[in-house]
Amino acid sequence: MPAQPTESIELHQVSAADTHLREKLLDNAERLLPVLAERVATSEQNRSLSPQTITDFRAAGFWRMLQPTRWGGLEVHPNTFFDVQIKLATVHPSAAWVMGVVAVHNWQLALFAPQAQEDVWGPDVGALVSSSYAPTGRVEATQGGYILSGRWSFSSGVDHCDWVFLGGFAPTPEGSPPDMRTFLVPLSHATIEDTWHTMALRGTGSKDVLLDGVFVPEHRTHKMSDGFRCDNPGNESNPSPLFRLPFGQVFVRSVSTTSIGIAKGALAFYRSVTQSKVGAADGNRAARDPSAQMACARAASTLDQLELVLHRNMDTLMADARAGERTAIDQRVAYRWDSSEAVSKAVSVVDELFALCGGRALFLSSPMHRYFVDVHGARAHYANRPDASGRNFGRVQLGMRTTDFFI
């Protein structure tokens, strides 16, 4: 299929209530697949997405999907956002990863105080924000805000962004509970260090961000506790139920969803190759191999189950938000487990298909090689560890309190 010119990938001016918005966004993603497939090798070589891909995503409306309408956004249902991410991941996992984790920041920025939103979107409603949430830097309290110094790693897509979210603990009085926050910093005040020399998700450009005594005013911080309670400084100016979702539920899906698309891409590739493959040694058609048939059945069924469960979960969260209710903690704990377990199941799907592909899958030029290493790269993310969320899920089922508040 010939690549479509990216100039033709445009989003009509529609309201967030437009019933065709979901179909339009998914169609834009579908039309971009050929050009994204052509860019995989270059992205891997450069260890960063091409600027043209960022531009294409902008024209397609992807960056605006979770942005408030008052700032030119679309406020789509999260399932639409994640379905676009899945579709992109079927051909270019790194591009899907960056789209997911950068575009979701427009959702979190809407939770910040209105002044922070004005700081970013006032000059440019198309500004992009990268992130590194692990609290690895130093945070010192000062008049009117905080001083940040240190190094934060794994900031995906940072080369193409204007601002960055950095995680850290705000100082608290002795004996008080921890106060973890997200600090909003202009990237013009930071140094980006190219440390991204990896075997997986190479095109994400997830480099390090360094700060040396950068002042962050109080209004450019967001408390994780506010995100947990679904009661944020930005809710008054952005009253949509979309922004009443629990922070943890939305964020973890942005880093787990790519794995589903990777597995779907691996299955599509395996089917296309196996349908016509004939064994060099025995002349038998690979499609007649019972192992190949069962692998396709298991993969298709598993992926269907994953999408159904995750769609159901987000539908429930949105229904509760529309009703002005908070989703029960035990449900949120279960949904957290579902998100991380989806990655493990996607890994299992890809592993089985990779093994059945034979020696050809070992070549760097093989799409199956890319799916294999990238799905394992996704699994390595802290939020995608199934053991931690699984143990907590089990604790809650056995009558104990949750120990995870990133839900």
Foldseek 3Di string as FASTA:
>chain_A
DDQDPLVPQADDDDALPDPCLLVQLLVSLVNHQVVLLVCQVVLLVVLAGDVVLVVSCVRNLLLQDCAFVVLVHNNYQVLSNLVSLLSNLLRHLLSSLLSLQFSCVNLVQLQFAPVSVCVQRVVPSPAIEWEAADAPWDWADDPQFIWIFDKGWQGFNPVPGQKYWYWHWHDDPPPDDTWIKTAIGTLVQWDWDQPQDDDASSSRSGTMIGHDGDTTGPRRMWTLVCLLQLHGNSCVVRVQLSSSFRQLLSNLLSLQSSLLSLLVSLLVVLVVDQQPDADPVPRHRSVPDVLSVVLSVVSVVLSVVLSVVLVVLSVVRSVCSVVVHHDDPLSVLVSLLSSLVNLVVSLVSLVSSLVSVPPVSPDPPDSSVRSNRHSVVSCPDPSNPNVLSVVQNVCVVVPHDGPDSSD
